[in-house]
Amino acid sequence: GVKHQYFGNDHWREHAPGLKTVEHALEMR
């Protein structure tokens, strides 16, 4: 599969979680 891409702005990941894994979903919730 694939993972999220922040188009060269990986530091956004801390403030903008994606939704590809269980951990992502639980963090988002």
PDB file of all heavy atoms in Angstrom:
ATOM      1  N   GLY A   1       0.809  -1.214   0.000  1.00  0.00           N
ATOM      2  CA  GLY A   1       0.000   0.000   0.000  1.00  0.00           C
ATOM      3  C   GLY A   1       0.841   1.262   0.000  1.00  0.00           C
ATOM      4  O   GLY A   1       2.029   1.256  -0.351  1.00  0.00           O
ATOM      5  N   VAL A   2       0.218   2.357   0.426  1.00  0.00           N
ATOM      6  CA  VAL A   2       0.864   3.662   0.396  1.00  0.00           C
ATOM      7  C   VAL A   2       0.694   4.353   1.747  1.00  0.00           C
ATOM      8  O   VAL A   2      -0.015   3.868   2.616  1.00  0.00           O
ATOM      9  CB  VAL A   2       0.255   4.552  -0.714  1.00  0.00           C
ATOM     10  CG1 VAL A   2       0.604   4.022  -2.085  1.00  0.00           C
ATOM     11  CG2 VAL A   2      -1.265   4.660  -0.551  1.00  0.00           C
ATOM     12  N   LYS A   3       1.361   5.474   1.899  1.00  0.00           N
ATOM     13  CA  LYS A   3       1.218   6.278   3.109  1.00  0.00           C
ATOM     14  C   LYS A   3       0.941   7.721   2.713  1.00  0.00           C
ATOM     15  O   LYS A   3       1.006   8.079   1.536  1.00  0.00           O
ATOM     16  CB  LYS A   3       2.465   6.187   3.984  1.00  0.00           C
ATOM     17  CG  LYS A   3       3.726   6.717   3.321  1.00  0.00           C
ATOM     18  CD  LYS A   3       4.908   6.586   4.256  1.00  0.00           C
ATOM     19  CE  LYS A   3       6.172   7.187   3.633  1.00  0.00           C
ATOM     20  NZ  LYS A   3       7.333   7.091   4.552  1.00  0.00           N
ATOM     21  N   HIS A   4       0.657   8.557   3.697  1.00  0.00           N
ATOM     22  CA  HIS A   4       0.320   9.941   3.402  1.00  0.00           C
ATOM     23  C   HIS A   4       1.510  10.728   2.880  1.00  0.00           C
ATOM     24  O   HIS A   4       2.650  10.469   3.243  1.00  0.00           O
ATOM     25  CB  HIS A   4      -0.225  10.638   4.659  1.00  0.00           C
ATOM     26  CG  HIS A   4      -1.605  10.205   5.008  1.00  0.00           C
ATOM     27  ND1 HIS A   4      -1.871   9.415   6.088  1.00  0.00           N
ATOM     28  CD2 HIS A   4      -2.791  10.424   4.397  1.00  0.00           C
ATOM     29  CE1 HIS A   4      -3.169   9.172   6.129  1.00  0.00           C
ATOM     30  NE2 HIS A   4      -3.749   9.764   5.131  1.00  0.00           N
ATOM     31  N   GLN A   5       1.205  11.684   2.037  1.00  0.00           N
ATOM     32  CA  GLN A   5       2.226  12.577   1.519  1.00  0.00           C
ATOM     33  C   GLN A   5       1.839  14.014   1.871  1.00  0.00           C
ATOM     34  O   GLN A   5       0.715  14.444   1.623  1.00  0.00           O
ATOM     35  CB  GLN A   5       2.346  12.444  -0.003  1.00  0.00           C
ATOM     36  CG  GLN A   5       3.326  13.413  -0.605  1.00  0.00           C
ATOM     37  CD  GLN A   5       3.478  13.250  -2.099  1.00  0.00           C
ATOM     38  OE1 GLN A   5       4.521  13.511  -2.639  1.00  0.00           O
ATOM     39  NE2 GLN A   5       2.429  12.805  -2.778  1.00  0.00           N
ATOM     40  N   TYR A   6       2.787  14.738   2.431  1.00  0.00           N
ATOM     41  CA  TYR A   6       2.547  16.129   2.804  1.00  0.00           C
ATOM     42  C   TYR A   6       3.252  17.094   1.853  1.00  0.00           C
ATOM     43  O   TYR A   6       3.492  18.239   2.196  1.00  0.00           O
ATOM     44  CB  TYR A   6       2.982  16.374   4.248  1.00  0.00           C
ATOM     45  CG  TYR A   6       2.080  15.689   5.259  1.00  0.00           C
ATOM     46  CD1 TYR A   6       2.264  14.354   5.591  1.00  0.00           C
ATOM     47  CD2 TYR A   6       1.026  16.369   5.863  1.00  0.00           C
ATOM     48  CE1 TYR A   6       1.434  13.718   6.503  1.00  0.00           C
ATOM     49  CE2 TYR A   6       0.190  15.746   6.777  1.00  0.00           C
ATOM     50  CZ  TYR A   6       0.397  14.419   7.089  1.00  0.00           C
ATOM     51  OH  TYR A   6      -0.429  13.792   7.989  1.00  0.00           O
ATOM     52  N   PHE A   7       3.590  16.577   0.667  1.00  0.00           N
ATOM     53  CA  PHE A   7       4.138  17.404  -0.411  1.00  0.00           C
ATOM     54  C   PHE A   7       5.344  18.227   0.050  1.00  0.00           C
ATOM     55  O   PHE A   7       5.433  19.431  -0.179  1.00  0.00           O
ATOM     56  CB  PHE A   7       3.053  18.325  -0.988  1.00  0.00           C
ATOM     57  CG  PHE A   7       1.821  17.588  -1.427  1.00  0.00           C
ATOM     58  CD1 PHE A   7       0.654  17.643  -0.675  1.00  0.00           C
ATOM     59  CD2 PHE A   7       1.833  16.803  -2.566  1.00  0.00           C
ATOM     60  CE1 PHE A   7      -0.481  16.944  -1.069  1.00  0.00           C
ATOM     61  CE2 PHE A   7       0.704  16.100  -2.968  1.00  0.00           C
ATOM     62  CZ  PHE A   7      -0.449  16.173  -2.215  1.00  0.00           C
ATOM     63  N   GLY A   8       6.282  17.526   0.702  1.00  0.00           N
ATOM     64  CA  GLY A   8       7.503  18.190   1.125  1.00  0.00           C
ATOM     65  C   GLY A   8       7.390  18.939   2.438  1.00  0.00           C
ATOM     66  O   GLY A   8       8.356  19.576   2.875  1.00  0.00           O
ATOM     67  N   ASN A   9       6.231  18.865   3.084  1.00  0.00           N
ATOM     68  CA  ASN A   9       6.018  19.573   4.360  1.00  0.00           C
ATOM     69  C   ASN A   9       5.740  18.558   5.472  1.00  0.00           C
ATOM     70  O   ASN A   9       4.689  18.585   6.110  1.00  0.00           O
ATOM     71  CB  ASN A   9       4.857  20.558   4.231  1.00  0.00           C
ATOM     72  CG  ASN A   9       5.097  21.607   3.170  1.00  0.00           C
ATOM     73  OD1 ASN A   9       5.869  22.535   3.358  1.00  0.00           O
ATOM     74  ND2 ASN A   9       4.433  21.456   2.027  1.00  0.00           N
ATOM     75  N   ASP A  10       6.698  17.674   5.695  1.00  0.00           N
ATOM     76  CA  ASP A  10       6.478  16.599   6.661  1.00  0.00           C
ATOM     77  C   ASP A  10       6.244  17.110   8.074  1.00  0.00           C
ATOM     78  O   ASP A  10       5.690  16.392   8.909  1.00  0.00           O
ATOM     79  CB  ASP A  10       7.656  15.629   6.645  1.00  0.00           C
ATOM     80  CG  ASP A  10       7.684  14.770   5.383  1.00  0.00           C
ATOM     81  OD1 ASP A  10       6.652  14.747   4.678  1.00  0.00           O
ATOM     82  OD2 ASP A  10       8.709  14.137   5.106  1.00  0.00           O
ATOM     83  N   HIS A  11       6.672  18.342   8.366  1.00  0.00           N
ATOM     84  CA  HIS A  11       6.436  18.897   9.700  1.00  0.00           C
ATOM     85  C   HIS A  11       4.954  19.167   9.946  1.00  0.00           C
ATOM     86  O   HIS A  11       4.539  19.367  11.090  1.00  0.00           O
ATOM     87  CB  HIS A  11       7.240  20.192   9.888  1.00  0.00           C
ATOM     88  CG  HIS A  11       6.936  21.256   8.876  1.00  0.00           C
ATOM     89  ND1 HIS A  11       7.399  21.186   7.572  1.00  0.00           N
ATOM     90  CD2 HIS A  11       6.223  22.409   8.960  1.00  0.00           C
ATOM     91  CE1 HIS A  11       6.979  22.256   6.904  1.00  0.00           C
ATOM     92  NE2 HIS A  11       6.264  22.999   7.720  1.00  0.00           N
ATOM     93  N   TRP A  12       4.138  19.157   8.881  1.00  0.00           N
ATOM     94  CA  TRP A  12       2.692  19.319   9.067  1.00  0.00           C
ATOM     95  C   TRP A  12       2.073  18.102   9.745  1.00  0.00           C
ATOM     96  O   TRP A  12       0.990  18.196  10.330  1.00  0.00           O
ATOM     97  CB  TRP A  12       2.005  19.535   7.727  1.00  0.00           C
ATOM     98  CG  TRP A  12       2.310  20.842   7.068  1.00  0.00           C
ATOM     99  CD1 TRP A  12       3.052  21.872   7.561  1.00  0.00           C
ATOM    100  CD2 TRP A  12       1.864  21.263   5.767  1.00  0.00           C
ATOM    101  NE1 TRP A  12       3.102  22.912   6.652  1.00  0.00           N
ATOM    102  CE2 TRP A  12       2.374  22.554   5.544  1.00  0.00           C
ATOM    103  CE3 TRP A  12       1.088  20.669   4.778  1.00  0.00           C
ATOM    104  CZ2 TRP A  12       2.135  23.265   4.369  1.00  0.00           C
ATOM    105  CZ3 TRP A  12       0.846  21.357   3.596  1.00  0.00           C
ATOM    106  CH2 TRP A  12       1.352  22.656   3.402  1.00  0.00           C
ATOM    107  N   ARG A  13       2.748  16.969   9.627  1.00  0.00           N
ATOM    108  CA  ARG A  13       2.187  15.714  10.142  1.00  0.00           C
ATOM    109  C   ARG A  13       1.804  15.824  11.624  1.00  0.00           C
ATOM    110  O   ARG A  13       0.800  15.264  12.062  1.00  0.00           O
ATOM    111  CB  ARG A  13       3.212  14.590   9.943  1.00  0.00           C
ATOM    112  CG  ARG A  13       2.697  13.195  10.229  1.00  0.00           C
ATOM    113  CD  ARG A  13       3.838  12.186  10.143  1.00  0.00           C
ATOM    114  NE  ARG A  13       4.542  12.304   8.879  1.00  0.00           N
ATOM    115  CZ  ARG A  13       4.220  11.667   7.761  1.00  0.00           C
ATOM    116  NH1 ARG A  13       3.162  10.864   7.772  1.00  0.00           N
ATOM    117  NH2 ARG A  13       4.912  11.815   6.668  1.00  0.00           N
ATOM    118  N   GLU A  14       2.599  16.544  12.385  1.00  0.00           N
ATOM    119  CA  GLU A  14       2.345  16.688  13.810  1.00  0.00           C
ATOM    120  C   GLU A  14       1.017  17.387  14.088  1.00  0.00           C
ATOM    121  O   GLU A  14       0.337  17.082  15.057  1.00  0.00           O
ATOM    122  CB  GLU A  14       3.488  17.485  14.450  1.00  0.00           C
ATOM    123  CG  GLU A  14       3.315  17.739  15.941  1.00  0.00           C
ATOM    124  CD  GLU A  14       4.414  18.618  16.504  1.00  0.00           C
ATOM    125  OE1 GLU A  14       5.355  18.975  15.754  1.00  0.00           O
ATOM    126  OE2 GLU A  14       4.331  18.962  17.707  1.00  0.00           O
ATOM    127  N   HIS A  15       0.643  18.319  13.219  1.00  0.00           N
ATOM    128  CA  HIS A  15      -0.569  19.108  13.442  1.00  0.00           C
ATOM    129  C   HIS A  15      -1.757  18.634  12.600  1.00  0.00           C
ATOM    130  O   HIS A  15      -2.887  19.064  12.852  1.00  0.00           O
ATOM    131  CB  HIS A  15      -0.301  20.576  13.102  1.00  0.00           C
ATOM    132  CG  HIS A  15       0.939  21.126  13.748  1.00  0.00           C
ATOM    133  ND1 HIS A  15       1.107  21.135  15.112  1.00  0.00           N
ATOM    134  CD2 HIS A  15       2.057  21.679  13.204  1.00  0.00           C
ATOM    135  CE1 HIS A  15       2.290  21.671  15.389  1.00  0.00           C
ATOM    136  NE2 HIS A  15       2.885  22.006  14.261  1.00  0.00           N
ATOM    137  N   ALA A  16      -1.499  17.784  11.607  1.00  0.00           N
ATOM    138  CA  ALA A  16      -2.570  17.351  10.703  1.00  0.00           C
ATOM    139  C   ALA A  16      -2.481  15.843  10.478  1.00  0.00           C
ATOM    140  O   ALA A  16      -1.925  15.387   9.477  1.00  0.00           O
ATOM    141  CB  ALA A  16      -2.461  18.102   9.376  1.00  0.00           C
ATOM    142  N   PRO A  17      -3.010  15.031  11.403  1.00  0.00           N
ATOM    143  CA  PRO A  17      -2.930  13.578  11.250  1.00  0.00           C
ATOM    144  C   PRO A  17      -3.730  13.088  10.048  1.00  0.00           C
ATOM    145  O   PRO A  17      -4.762  13.655   9.697  1.00  0.00           O
ATOM    146  CB  PRO A  17      -3.523  13.055  12.566  1.00  0.00           C
ATOM    147  CG  PRO A  17      -4.436  14.147  13.028  1.00  0.00           C
ATOM    148  CD  PRO A  17      -3.762  15.424  12.605  1.00  0.00           C
ATOM    149  N   GLY A  18      -3.215  12.032   9.425  1.00  0.00           N
ATOM    150  CA  GLY A  18      -3.922  11.427   8.303  1.00  0.00           C
ATOM    151  C   GLY A  18      -4.780  10.264   8.774  1.00  0.00           C
ATOM    152  O   GLY A  18      -5.019  10.093   9.965  1.00  0.00           O
ATOM    153  N   LEU A  19      -5.209   9.441   7.817  1.00  0.00           N
ATOM    154  CA  LEU A  19      -6.140   8.362   8.169  1.00  0.00           C
ATOM    155  C   LEU A  19      -5.837   7.119   7.332  1.00  0.00           C
ATOM    156  O   LEU A  19      -6.577   6.787   6.404  1.00  0.00           O
ATOM    157  CB  LEU A  19      -7.582   8.829   7.953  1.00  0.00           C
ATOM    158  CG  LEU A  19      -8.695   7.986   8.588  1.00  0.00           C
ATOM    159  CD1 LEU A  19      -8.511   7.880  10.091  1.00  0.00           C
ATOM    160  CD2 LEU A  19     -10.061   8.585   8.277  1.00  0.00           C
ATOM    161  N   LYS A  20      -4.737   6.441   7.670  1.00  0.00           N
ATOM    162  CA  LYS A  20      -4.362   5.229   6.952  1.00  0.00           C
ATOM    163  C   LYS A  20      -4.248   4.011   7.862  1.00  0.00           C
ATOM    164  O   LYS A  20      -4.303   2.883   7.389  1.00  0.00           O
ATOM    165  CB  LYS A  20      -3.020   5.436   6.226  1.00  0.00           C
ATOM    166  CG  LYS A  20      -3.109   6.247   4.939  1.00  0.00           C
ATOM    167  CD  LYS A  20      -3.831   5.475   3.859  1.00  0.00           C
ATOM    168  CE  LYS A  20      -3.875   6.256   2.549  1.00  0.00           C
ATOM    169  NZ  LYS A  20      -4.670   5.535   1.525  1.00  0.00           N
ATOM    170  N   THR A  21      -4.062   4.237   9.165  1.00  0.00           N
ATOM    171  CA  THR A  21      -3.850   3.130  10.096  1.00  0.00           C
ATOM    172  C   THR A  21      -4.794   3.251  11.287  1.00  0.00           C
ATOM    173  O   THR A  21      -5.427   4.285  11.495  1.00  0.00           O
ATOM    174  CB  THR A  21      -2.392   3.117  10.613  1.00  0.00           C
ATOM    175  OG1 THR A  21      -2.185   4.274  11.435  1.00  0.00           O
ATOM    176  CG2 THR A  21      -1.397   3.130   9.458  1.00  0.00           C
ATOM    177  N   VAL A  22      -4.836   2.188  12.082  1.00  0.00           N
ATOM    178  CA  VAL A  22      -5.626   2.205  13.314  1.00  0.00           C
ATOM    179  C   VAL A  22      -5.151   3.312  14.236  1.00  0.00           C
ATOM    180  O   VAL A  22      -5.951   4.045  14.829  1.00  0.00           O
ATOM    181  CB  VAL A  22      -5.530   0.837  14.025  1.00  0.00           C
ATOM    182  CG1 VAL A  22      -5.997   0.950  15.471  1.00  0.00           C
ATOM    183  CG2 VAL A  22      -6.360  -0.206  13.299  1.00  0.00           C
ATOM    184  N   GLU A  23      -3.826   3.445  14.333  1.00  0.00           N
ATOM    185  CA  GLU A  23      -3.265   4.473  15.202  1.00  0.00           C
ATOM    186  C   GLU A  23      -3.688   5.861  14.745  1.00  0.00           C
ATOM    187  O   GLU A  23      -3.978   6.735  15.570  1.00  0.00           O
ATOM    188  CB  GLU A  23      -1.732   4.373  15.229  1.00  0.00           C
ATOM    189  CG  GLU A  23      -1.191   3.174  15.977  1.00  0.00           C
ATOM    190  CD  GLU A  23      -1.310   1.860  15.206  1.00  0.00           C
ATOM    191  OE1 GLU A  23      -1.585   1.896  13.991  1.00  0.00           O
ATOM    192  OE2 GLU A  23      -1.133   0.798  15.818  1.00  0.00           O
ATOM    193  N   HIS A  24      -3.715   6.079  13.434  1.00  0.00           N
ATOM    194  CA  HIS A  24      -4.189   7.364  12.908  1.00  0.00           C
ATOM    195  C   HIS A  24      -5.631   7.622  13.328  1.00  0.00           C
ATOM    196  O   HIS A  24      -5.982   8.727  13.759  1.00  0.00           O
ATOM    197  CB  HIS A  24      -4.116   7.371  11.376  1.00  0.00           C
ATOM    198  CG  HIS A  24      -2.726   7.397  10.845  1.00  0.00           C
ATOM    199  ND1 HIS A  24      -2.413   6.916   9.589  1.00  0.00           N
ATOM    200  CD2 HIS A  24      -1.555   7.830  11.383  1.00  0.00           C
ATOM    201  CE1 HIS A  24      -1.116   7.057   9.382  1.00  0.00           C
ATOM    202  NE2 HIS A  24      -0.580   7.609  10.455  1.00  0.00           N
ATOM    203  N   ALA A  25      -6.480   6.609  13.174  1.00  0.00           N
ATOM    204  CA  ALA A  25      -7.896   6.775  13.499  1.00  0.00           C
ATOM    205  C   ALA A  25      -8.095   7.080  14.982  1.00  0.00           C
ATOM    206  O   ALA A  25      -8.904   7.940  15.347  1.00  0.00           O
ATOM    207  CB  ALA A  25      -8.682   5.519  13.105  1.00  0.00           C
ATOM    208  N   LEU A  26      -7.345   6.379  15.843  1.00  0.00           N
ATOM    209  CA  LEU A  26      -7.481   6.610  17.273  1.00  0.00           C
ATOM    210  C   LEU A  26      -6.939   7.974  17.674  1.00  0.00           C
ATOM    211  O   LEU A  26      -7.507   8.653  18.540  1.00  0.00           O
ATOM    212  CB  LEU A  26      -6.757   5.503  18.051  1.00  0.00           C
ATOM    213  CG  LEU A  26      -7.361   4.097  17.903  1.00  0.00           C
ATOM    214  CD1 LEU A  26      -6.536   3.074  18.673  1.00  0.00           C
ATOM    215  CD2 LEU A  26      -8.816   4.076  18.359  1.00  0.00           C
ATOM    216  N   GLU A  27      -5.847   8.389  17.034  1.00  0.00           N
ATOM    217  CA  GLU A  27      -5.319   9.727  17.313  1.00  0.00           C
ATOM    218  C   GLU A  27      -6.320  10.796  16.884  1.00  0.00           C
ATOM    219  O   GLU A  27      -6.554  11.777  17.592  1.00  0.00           O
ATOM    220  CB  GLU A  27      -3.996   9.941  16.579  1.00  0.00           C
ATOM    221  CG  GLU A  27      -3.416  11.335  16.798  1.00  0.00           C
ATOM    222  CD  GLU A  27      -2.207  11.640  15.934  1.00  0.00           C
ATOM    223  OE1 GLU A  27      -1.805  10.768  15.130  1.00  0.00           O
ATOM    224  OE2 GLU A  27      -1.682  12.758  16.041  1.00  0.00           O
ATOM    225  N   MET A  28      -6.919  10.589  15.710  1.00  0.00           N
ATOM    226  CA  MET A  28      -7.886  11.554  15.207  1.00  0.00           C
ATOM    227  C   MET A  28      -9.100  11.619  16.126  1.00  0.00           C
ATOM    228  O   MET A  28      -9.598  12.704  16.460  1.00  0.00           O
ATOM    229  CB  MET A  28      -8.301  11.173  13.780  1.00  0.00           C
ATOM    230  CG  MET A  28      -9.038  12.256  13.029  1.00  0.00           C
ATOM    231  SD  MET A  28      -9.345  11.812  11.289  1.00  0.00           S
ATOM    232  CE  MET A  28      -7.714  11.985  10.583  1.00  0.00           C
ATOM    233  N   ARG A  29      -9.597  10.455  16.564  1.00  0.00           N
ATOM    234  CA  ARG A  29     -10.737  10.426  17.478  1.00  0.00           C
ATOM    235  C   ARG A  29     -10.398  11.140  18.784  1.00  0.00           C
ATOM    236  O   ARG A  29     -11.209  11.916  19.318  1.00  0.00           O
ATOM    237  CB  ARG A  29     -11.141   8.978  17.763  1.00  0.00           C
ATOM    238  CG  ARG A  29     -12.416   8.859  18.586  1.00  0.00           C
ATOM    239  CD  ARG A  29     -12.795   7.418  18.829  1.00  0.00           C
ATOM    240  NE  ARG A  29     -11.906   6.795  19.799  1.00  0.00           N
ATOM    241  CZ  ARG A  29     -12.037   5.530  20.208  1.00  0.00           C
ATOM    242  NH1 ARG A  29     -12.991   4.771  19.711  1.00  0.00           N
ATOM    243  NH2 ARG A  29     -11.198   5.024  21.093  1.00  0.00           N
TER     244      ARG A  29
END
